[in-house]
């Protein structure tokens, strides 16, 4: 089973309501797995996704920076972290493939790491839960060629 598929199945099994991909999708199969999950998803083009441009309309892929609203929160999604200014409630970026969780001022900055573990030994993802009082971020990671997901939780008062 593919690494992206395992991440998607994990998030679905945990009750996630929306999938977000911060770019470097690389494979059409990842888009199909997100679509197959039945969940709404938002995915931004990464610098390794030029060959996926033909699927822009089919999968509603977006260009960076892309702003959208979920549960009353304003999100900004990008791949390359050029626009890391606090002009949204939650800023999600990719490109570095390194997990990043920081709450500065009133903005939560997130980088989920790398689900597909192309250049590292961990498959990673983040799950964000929100309430009026706090953000709860759960970092999931699994050593490739194993089935066990580990997790670390972080909370910030809003």
N, C-alpha and C. Protein backbone atom coordinates (compact mmCIF):
# COMPACT_ATOMS: atom_id res chain seq x y z
N UNK A 1 0.84 -1.18 0.00
CA UNK A 1 0.00 0.00 0.00
C UNK A 1 0.89 1.24 0.00
N UNK A 2 0.53 2.27 -0.76
CA UNK A 2 1.31 3.48 -0.86
C UNK A 2 1.30 4.30 0.42
N UNK A 3 2.36 5.08 0.61
CA UNK A 3 2.49 5.89 1.82
C UNK A 3 1.41 6.96 1.91
N UNK A 4 1.13 7.62 0.80
CA UNK A 4 0.08 8.64 0.81
C UNK A 4 -1.27 8.01 1.15
N UNK A 5 -1.53 6.85 0.60
CA UNK A 5 -2.79 6.14 0.89
C UNK A 5 -2.89 5.82 2.38
N UNK A 6 -1.80 5.39 2.98
CA UNK A 6 -1.81 5.07 4.42
C UNK A 6 -2.11 6.32 5.26
N UNK A 7 -1.52 7.45 4.88
CA UNK A 7 -1.79 8.70 5.60
C UNK A 7 -3.26 9.08 5.47
N UNK A 8 -3.79 9.01 4.28
CA UNK A 8 -5.19 9.36 4.06
C UNK A 8 -6.10 8.43 4.85
N UNK A 9 -5.82 7.13 4.82
CA UNK A 9 -6.64 6.18 5.59
C UNK A 9 -6.56 6.45 7.09
N UNK A 10 -5.38 6.81 7.59
CA UNK A 10 -5.23 7.15 9.00
C UNK A 10 -6.11 8.34 9.35
N UNK A 11 -6.01 9.40 8.58
CA UNK A 11 -6.78 10.62 8.86
C UNK A 11 -8.28 10.38 8.76
N UNK A 12 -8.70 9.61 7.78
CA UNK A 12 -10.13 9.28 7.65
C UNK A 12 -10.58 8.48 8.87
N UNK A 13 -9.78 7.50 9.29
CA UNK A 13 -10.17 6.66 10.42
C UNK A 13 -10.27 7.46 11.72
N UNK A 14 -9.57 8.58 11.80
CA UNK A 14 -9.59 9.42 12.99
C UNK A 14 -10.71 10.47 12.96
N UNK A 15 -11.47 10.47 11.88
CA UNK A 15 -12.61 11.37 11.79
C UNK A 15 -12.32 12.73 11.19
N UNK A 16 -11.22 12.86 10.48
CA UNK A 16 -10.94 14.14 9.82
C UNK A 16 -12.09 14.50 8.88
N UNK A 17 -12.34 15.78 8.77
CA UNK A 17 -13.44 16.25 7.96
C UNK A 17 -13.00 16.90 6.66
N UNK A 18 -11.72 17.23 6.55
CA UNK A 18 -11.21 17.91 5.35
C UNK A 18 -9.72 17.58 5.23
N UNK A 19 -9.28 17.20 4.05
CA UNK A 19 -7.87 16.93 3.80
C UNK A 19 -7.23 18.14 3.14
N UNK A 20 -6.01 18.46 3.54
CA UNK A 20 -5.27 19.58 2.96
C UNK A 20 -3.89 19.07 2.57
N UNK A 21 -3.49 19.34 1.33
CA UNK A 21 -2.17 18.93 0.84
C UNK A 21 -1.38 20.18 0.49
N UNK A 22 -0.19 20.33 1.05
CA UNK A 22 0.63 21.53 0.87
C UNK A 22 1.62 21.43 -0.29
N UNK A 23 1.31 20.62 -1.28
CA UNK A 23 2.12 20.59 -2.49
C UNK A 23 3.18 19.51 -2.52
N UNK A 24 3.78 19.35 -3.70
CA UNK A 24 4.63 18.21 -4.04
C UNK A 24 3.79 16.94 -3.95
N UNK A 25 2.67 17.00 -4.62
CA UNK A 25 1.74 15.87 -4.71
C UNK A 25 2.42 14.75 -5.50
N UNK A 26 3.09 15.11 -6.56
CA UNK A 26 3.93 14.27 -7.41
C UNK A 26 3.15 13.23 -8.21
N UNK A 27 2.27 12.46 -7.59
CA UNK A 27 1.60 11.37 -8.29
C UNK A 27 0.09 11.60 -8.40
N UNK A 28 -0.43 11.34 -9.57
CA UNK A 28 -1.88 11.42 -9.77
C UNK A 28 -2.60 10.47 -8.81
N UNK A 29 -1.97 9.36 -8.47
CA UNK A 29 -2.58 8.38 -7.57
C UNK A 29 -2.91 9.00 -6.21
N UNK A 30 -2.09 9.94 -5.75
CA UNK A 30 -2.38 10.62 -4.48
C UNK A 30 -3.66 11.43 -4.60
N UNK A 31 -3.83 12.13 -5.70
CA UNK A 31 -5.07 12.89 -5.92
C UNK A 31 -6.27 11.97 -5.95
N UNK A 32 -6.12 10.82 -6.61
CA UNK A 32 -7.22 9.86 -6.70
C UNK A 32 -7.56 9.30 -5.32
N UNK A 33 -6.54 9.06 -4.49
CA UNK A 33 -6.80 8.56 -3.12
C UNK A 33 -7.52 9.61 -2.28
N UNK A 34 -7.14 10.88 -2.43
CA UNK A 34 -7.85 11.93 -1.69
C UNK A 34 -9.30 11.99 -2.14
N UNK A 35 -9.51 11.91 -3.44
CA UNK A 35 -10.87 11.94 -3.99
C UNK A 35 -11.66 10.71 -3.52
N UNK A 36 -11.04 9.56 -3.54
CA UNK A 36 -11.66 8.30 -3.14
C UNK A 36 -12.06 8.30 -1.65
N UNK A 37 -11.37 9.10 -0.84
CA UNK A 37 -11.67 9.16 0.60
C UNK A 37 -13.09 9.64 0.88
N UNK A 38 -13.66 10.37 -0.08
CA UNK A 38 -14.99 10.93 0.12
C UNK A 38 -15.00 12.24 0.88
N UNK A 39 -13.85 12.66 1.37
CA UNK A 39 -13.75 13.92 2.11
C UNK A 39 -13.47 15.07 1.15
N UNK A 40 -13.95 16.27 1.50
CA UNK A 40 -13.51 17.41 0.71
C UNK A 40 -12.01 17.60 0.93
N UNK A 41 -11.33 18.10 -0.10
CA UNK A 41 -9.89 18.33 0.05
C UNK A 41 -9.48 19.58 -0.70
N UNK A 42 -8.39 20.15 -0.23
CA UNK A 42 -7.78 21.31 -0.87
C UNK A 42 -6.31 20.98 -1.06
N UNK A 43 -5.83 21.12 -2.29
CA UNK A 43 -4.44 20.79 -2.59
C UNK A 43 -3.83 21.88 -3.46
N UNK A 44 -2.63 22.31 -3.09
CA UNK A 44 -1.92 23.35 -3.83
C UNK A 44 -0.78 22.72 -4.63
N UNK A 45 -0.51 23.30 -5.79
CA UNK A 45 0.62 22.83 -6.59
C UNK A 45 1.94 23.09 -5.87
N UNK A 46 2.84 22.13 -5.94
CA UNK A 46 4.20 22.31 -5.44
C UNK A 46 5.17 22.44 -6.60
N UNK A 47 6.43 22.71 -6.29
CA UNK A 47 7.42 22.87 -7.35
C UNK A 47 7.71 21.57 -8.09
N UNK A 48 7.27 20.43 -7.57
CA UNK A 48 7.44 19.14 -8.25
C UNK A 48 6.15 18.63 -8.89
N UNK A 49 5.22 19.56 -9.17
CA UNK A 49 3.90 19.15 -9.67
C UNK A 49 3.55 19.70 -11.05
N UNK A 50 4.52 20.18 -11.79
CA UNK A 50 4.23 20.76 -13.11
C UNK A 50 3.49 19.77 -14.01
N UNK A 51 3.85 18.50 -13.92
CA UNK A 51 3.23 17.48 -14.76
C UNK A 51 1.76 17.22 -14.37
N UNK A 52 1.31 17.75 -13.23
CA UNK A 52 -0.08 17.55 -12.80
C UNK A 52 -0.99 18.69 -13.22
N UNK A 53 -0.48 19.68 -13.93
CA UNK A 53 -1.29 20.84 -14.34
C UNK A 53 -2.53 20.41 -15.13
N UNK A 54 -2.42 19.35 -15.88
CA UNK A 54 -3.56 18.89 -16.68
C UNK A 54 -4.73 18.42 -15.81
N UNK A 55 -4.48 18.16 -14.53
CA UNK A 55 -5.53 17.70 -13.62
C UNK A 55 -6.11 18.82 -12.75
N UNK A 56 -5.70 20.06 -13.03
CA UNK A 56 -6.12 21.21 -12.22
C UNK A 56 -7.63 21.25 -12.03
N UNK A 57 -8.38 21.18 -13.10
CA UNK A 57 -9.84 21.28 -13.02
C UNK A 57 -10.48 20.02 -12.43
N UNK A 58 -9.99 18.86 -12.84
CA UNK A 58 -10.55 17.60 -12.37
C UNK A 58 -10.48 17.47 -10.84
N UNK A 59 -9.36 17.91 -10.25
CA UNK A 59 -9.18 17.78 -8.81
C UNK A 59 -9.23 19.12 -8.07
N UNK A 60 -9.58 20.18 -8.80
CA UNK A 60 -9.69 21.53 -8.24
C UNK A 60 -8.42 21.96 -7.52
N UNK A 61 -7.29 21.70 -8.15
CA UNK A 61 -5.99 22.09 -7.59
C UNK A 61 -5.85 23.60 -7.63
N UNK A 62 -5.16 24.16 -6.63
CA UNK A 62 -5.06 25.62 -6.52
C UNK A 62 -3.61 26.08 -6.59
N UNK A 63 -3.46 27.36 -6.89
CA UNK A 63 -2.14 27.99 -6.91
C UNK A 63 -1.95 28.76 -5.61
N UNK A 64 -0.69 28.97 -5.25
CA UNK A 64 -0.37 29.63 -4.00
C UNK A 64 -0.24 31.14 -4.15
N UNK A 65 -0.46 31.88 -3.11
CA UNK A 65 -1.12 31.47 -1.87
C UNK A 65 -2.62 31.37 -2.10
N UNK A 66 -3.25 30.40 -1.48
CA UNK A 66 -4.68 30.17 -1.64
C UNK A 66 -5.36 30.35 -0.29
N UNK A 67 -6.37 31.22 -0.25
CA UNK A 67 -7.11 31.50 0.98
C UNK A 67 -8.46 30.81 0.93
N UNK A 68 -8.86 30.22 2.05
CA UNK A 68 -10.18 29.61 2.15
C UNK A 68 -10.62 29.60 3.60
N UNK A 69 -11.90 29.32 3.84
CA UNK A 69 -12.45 29.33 5.19
C UNK A 69 -13.00 27.95 5.52
N UNK A 70 -12.65 27.46 6.71
CA UNK A 70 -13.20 26.22 7.26
C UNK A 70 -13.58 26.49 8.70
N UNK A 71 -14.77 26.09 9.10
CA UNK A 71 -15.23 26.26 10.48
C UNK A 71 -15.01 27.67 11.01
N UNK A 72 -15.22 28.65 10.16
CA UNK A 72 -15.09 30.04 10.57
C UNK A 72 -13.67 30.55 10.69
N UNK A 73 -12.68 29.71 10.37
CA UNK A 73 -11.27 30.11 10.42
C UNK A 73 -10.77 30.39 9.01
N UNK A 74 -9.97 31.43 8.88
CA UNK A 74 -9.37 31.76 7.59
C UNK A 74 -8.02 31.04 7.47
N UNK A 75 -7.89 30.25 6.42
CA UNK A 75 -6.68 29.49 6.14
C UNK A 75 -5.95 30.09 4.95
N UNK A 76 -4.63 29.99 4.99
CA UNK A 76 -3.81 30.31 3.83
C UNK A 76 -2.96 29.07 3.56
N UNK A 77 -3.02 28.59 2.33
CA UNK A 77 -2.28 27.39 1.92
C UNK A 77 -1.28 27.76 0.84
N UNK A 78 -0.05 27.30 1.02
CA UNK A 78 0.98 27.53 0.01
C UNK A 78 1.95 26.36 0.04
N UNK A 79 2.75 26.26 -0.99
CA UNK A 79 3.80 25.26 -0.99
C UNK A 79 5.10 25.89 -0.51
N UNK A 80 5.61 26.82 -1.29
CA UNK A 80 6.88 27.47 -0.94
C UNK A 80 6.60 28.54 0.11
N UNK A 81 7.30 28.49 1.23
CA UNK A 81 6.99 29.40 2.34
C UNK A 81 7.52 30.83 2.14
N UNK A 82 7.04 31.44 1.06
CA UNK A 82 7.43 32.81 0.75
C UNK A 82 6.48 33.80 1.41
N UNK A 83 5.25 33.39 1.59
CA UNK A 83 4.20 34.28 2.08
C UNK A 83 3.88 33.97 3.54
N UNK A 84 4.88 33.87 4.38
CA UNK A 84 4.67 33.47 5.77
C UNK A 84 4.27 34.63 6.68
N UNK A 85 3.50 35.55 6.16
CA UNK A 85 3.01 36.63 7.00
C UNK A 85 1.69 36.21 7.66
N UNK A 86 1.41 36.76 8.83
CA UNK A 86 0.23 36.33 9.60
C UNK A 86 -1.07 36.98 9.14
N UNK A 87 -1.47 36.71 7.89
CA UNK A 87 -2.69 37.30 7.35
C UNK A 87 -3.84 36.30 7.27
N UNK A 88 -3.77 35.27 8.09
CA UNK A 88 -4.85 34.27 8.19
C UNK A 88 -4.78 33.69 9.61
N UNK A 89 -5.82 32.98 10.00
CA UNK A 89 -5.79 32.32 11.30
C UNK A 89 -4.81 31.15 11.30
N UNK A 90 -4.78 30.41 10.19
CA UNK A 90 -3.91 29.25 10.05
C UNK A 90 -3.18 29.34 8.71
N UNK A 91 -1.86 29.24 8.76
CA UNK A 91 -1.03 29.27 7.56
C UNK A 91 -0.38 27.89 7.43
N UNK A 92 -0.64 27.23 6.31
CA UNK A 92 -0.09 25.89 6.06
C UNK A 92 0.84 25.97 4.85
N UNK A 93 2.04 25.41 5.01
CA UNK A 93 3.01 25.44 3.92
C UNK A 93 3.73 24.10 3.84
N UNK A 94 4.41 23.91 2.73
CA UNK A 94 5.16 22.67 2.50
C UNK A 94 6.60 22.99 2.14
N UNK A 95 7.07 22.41 1.06
CA UNK A 95 8.36 22.62 0.42
C UNK A 95 9.56 22.13 1.22
N UNK A 96 9.67 22.45 2.49
CA UNK A 96 10.84 22.04 3.26
C UNK A 96 10.78 20.57 3.67
N UNK A 97 9.57 20.00 3.66
CA UNK A 97 9.35 18.61 4.05
C UNK A 97 9.75 18.37 5.50
N UNK A 98 9.74 19.43 6.30
CA UNK A 98 10.09 19.33 7.72
C UNK A 98 8.90 19.81 8.55
N UNK A 99 8.52 19.01 9.52
CA UNK A 99 7.42 19.37 10.41
C UNK A 99 7.71 20.71 11.07
N UNK A 100 6.68 21.55 11.11
CA UNK A 100 6.81 22.85 11.77
C UNK A 100 5.47 23.19 12.39
N UNK A 101 5.48 23.51 13.67
CA UNK A 101 4.27 23.90 14.39
C UNK A 101 4.64 25.10 15.25
N UNK A 102 4.00 26.24 14.99
CA UNK A 102 4.30 27.44 15.77
C UNK A 102 3.07 28.34 15.81
N UNK A 103 2.80 28.89 16.96
CA UNK A 103 1.69 29.81 17.14
C UNK A 103 2.28 31.16 17.51
N UNK A 104 2.17 32.13 16.60
CA UNK A 104 2.75 33.44 16.78
C UNK A 104 1.66 34.49 16.69
N UNK A 105 1.53 35.30 17.72
CA UNK A 105 0.46 36.28 17.73
C UNK A 105 -0.87 35.55 17.75
N UNK A 106 -1.64 35.72 16.71
CA UNK A 106 -2.92 35.02 16.60
C UNK A 106 -2.94 34.06 15.41
N UNK A 107 -1.75 33.73 14.88
CA UNK A 107 -1.67 32.89 13.69
C UNK A 107 -0.93 31.58 14.00
N UNK A 108 -1.54 30.48 13.58
CA UNK A 108 -0.94 29.16 13.69
C UNK A 108 -0.25 28.84 12.37
N UNK A 109 1.04 28.52 12.43
CA UNK A 109 1.82 28.16 11.25
C UNK A 109 2.11 26.66 11.31
N UNK A 110 1.82 25.96 10.20
CA UNK A 110 1.98 24.50 10.16
C UNK A 110 2.67 24.05 8.88
N UNK A 111 3.59 23.11 9.04
CA UNK A 111 4.13 22.33 7.93
C UNK A 111 4.01 20.88 8.37
N UNK A 112 3.26 20.07 7.62
CA UNK A 112 3.00 18.69 8.05
C UNK A 112 4.15 17.71 7.87
N UNK A 113 5.26 18.14 7.30
CA UNK A 113 6.35 17.20 7.04
C UNK A 113 6.17 16.56 5.68
N UNK A 114 6.44 15.27 5.57
CA UNK A 114 6.37 14.60 4.27
C UNK A 114 5.68 13.24 4.40
N UNK A 115 4.51 13.14 3.81
CA UNK A 115 3.74 11.89 3.89
C UNK A 115 4.42 10.75 3.13
N UNK A 116 4.97 11.05 1.98
CA UNK A 116 5.48 9.98 1.11
C UNK A 116 6.91 9.55 1.42
N UNK A 117 7.59 10.23 2.30
CA UNK A 117 8.93 9.83 2.76
C UNK A 117 9.85 9.47 1.59
N UNK A 118 9.89 10.32 0.59
CA UNK A 118 10.75 10.04 -0.56
C UNK A 118 12.23 10.22 -0.21
N UNK A 119 12.52 11.18 0.67
CA UNK A 119 13.91 11.48 0.99
C UNK A 119 14.22 11.35 2.47
N UNK A 120 13.40 10.63 3.19
CA UNK A 120 13.61 10.47 4.62
C UNK A 120 13.00 9.15 5.06
N UNK A 121 13.23 8.76 6.29
CA UNK A 121 12.75 7.46 6.74
C UNK A 121 11.41 7.51 7.45
N UNK A 122 10.81 8.71 7.56
CA UNK A 122 9.52 8.84 8.22
C UNK A 122 8.44 9.30 7.25
N UNK A 123 7.27 8.71 7.37
CA UNK A 123 6.06 9.19 6.73
C UNK A 123 5.33 10.01 7.80
N UNK A 124 4.94 11.24 7.45
CA UNK A 124 4.40 12.15 8.46
C UNK A 124 3.13 12.85 8.00
N UNK A 125 2.35 13.30 8.96
CA UNK A 125 1.21 14.16 8.69
C UNK A 125 0.79 14.86 9.98
N UNK A 126 -0.04 15.87 9.84
CA UNK A 126 -0.60 16.58 10.99
C UNK A 126 -2.12 16.52 10.92
N UNK A 127 -2.74 16.50 12.08
CA UNK A 127 -4.18 16.64 12.17
C UNK A 127 -4.46 17.84 13.07
N UNK A 128 -5.28 18.75 12.59
CA UNK A 128 -5.64 19.95 13.35
C UNK A 128 -7.08 19.84 13.80
N UNK A 129 -7.28 20.01 15.10
CA UNK A 129 -8.63 20.09 15.67
C UNK A 129 -8.78 21.48 16.26
N UNK A 130 -9.93 22.10 16.02
CA UNK A 130 -10.13 23.46 16.49
C UNK A 130 -11.37 23.55 17.37
N UNK A 131 -11.29 24.46 18.31
CA UNK A 131 -12.45 24.82 19.12
C UNK A 131 -12.36 26.33 19.35
N UNK A 132 -13.33 26.90 20.01
CA UNK A 132 -13.28 28.33 20.28
C UNK A 132 -12.14 28.68 21.23
N UNK A 133 -11.72 27.72 22.05
CA UNK A 133 -10.69 27.97 23.06
C UNK A 133 -9.28 27.61 22.64
N UNK A 134 -9.14 26.61 21.75
CA UNK A 134 -7.78 26.13 21.48
C UNK A 134 -7.64 25.49 20.10
N UNK A 135 -6.36 25.32 19.73
CA UNK A 135 -5.96 24.51 18.59
C UNK A 135 -5.30 23.27 19.17
N UNK A 136 -5.65 22.11 18.66
CA UNK A 136 -4.96 20.88 19.03
C UNK A 136 -4.36 20.29 17.75
N UNK A 137 -3.05 20.15 17.75
CA UNK A 137 -2.34 19.61 16.59
C UNK A 137 -1.75 18.27 16.99
N UNK A 138 -2.06 17.25 16.21
CA UNK A 138 -1.47 15.93 16.44
C UNK A 138 -0.55 15.62 15.28
N UNK A 139 0.70 15.38 15.61
CA UNK A 139 1.71 15.01 14.64
C UNK A 139 1.80 13.49 14.63
N UNK A 140 1.56 12.89 13.48
CA UNK A 140 1.66 11.45 13.31
C UNK A 140 2.90 11.14 12.48
N UNK A 141 3.63 10.12 12.87
CA UNK A 141 4.80 9.72 12.12
C UNK A 141 4.98 8.21 12.23
N UNK A 142 5.46 7.64 11.14
CA UNK A 142 5.64 6.20 11.05
C UNK A 142 6.94 5.93 10.29
N UNK A 143 7.77 5.10 10.88
CA UNK A 143 8.98 4.70 10.18
C UNK A 143 8.57 3.86 8.98
N UNK A 144 9.14 4.16 7.81
CA UNK A 144 8.74 3.39 6.63
C UNK A 144 9.06 1.92 6.83
N UNK A 145 8.25 1.11 6.19
CA UNK A 145 8.32 -0.35 6.29
C UNK A 145 7.85 -0.86 7.65
N UNK A 146 7.12 -0.02 8.38
CA UNK A 146 6.46 -0.45 9.62
C UNK A 146 5.01 -0.03 9.54
N UNK A 147 4.19 -0.60 10.39
CA UNK A 147 2.77 -0.28 10.40
C UNK A 147 2.34 0.57 11.58
N UNK A 148 3.26 0.90 12.46
CA UNK A 148 2.89 1.58 13.70
C UNK A 148 3.03 3.09 13.56
N UNK A 149 1.90 3.77 13.79
CA UNK A 149 1.90 5.23 13.81
C UNK A 149 2.17 5.71 15.23
N UNK A 150 3.13 6.59 15.36
CA UNK A 150 3.40 7.26 16.62
C UNK A 150 2.76 8.64 16.55
N UNK A 151 2.56 9.26 17.71
CA UNK A 151 1.96 10.59 17.67
C UNK A 151 2.49 11.45 18.80
N UNK A 152 2.41 12.75 18.55
CA UNK A 152 2.77 13.76 19.54
C UNK A 152 1.74 14.88 19.42
N UNK A 153 1.16 15.27 20.54
CA UNK A 153 0.13 16.31 20.53
C UNK A 153 0.67 17.62 21.08
N UNK A 154 0.20 18.71 20.46
CA UNK A 154 0.53 20.06 20.88
C UNK A 154 -0.76 20.86 20.94
N UNK A 155 -0.91 21.69 21.97
CA UNK A 155 -2.10 22.54 22.06
C UNK A 155 -1.69 23.98 22.27
N UNK A 156 -2.49 24.88 21.70
CA UNK A 156 -2.31 26.31 21.88
C UNK A 156 -3.65 26.93 22.22
N UNK A 157 -3.67 27.81 23.21
CA UNK A 157 -4.88 28.58 23.53
C UNK A 157 -5.07 29.59 22.43
N UNK A 158 -6.31 29.78 22.00
CA UNK A 158 -6.60 30.76 20.93
C UNK A 158 -6.86 32.13 21.52
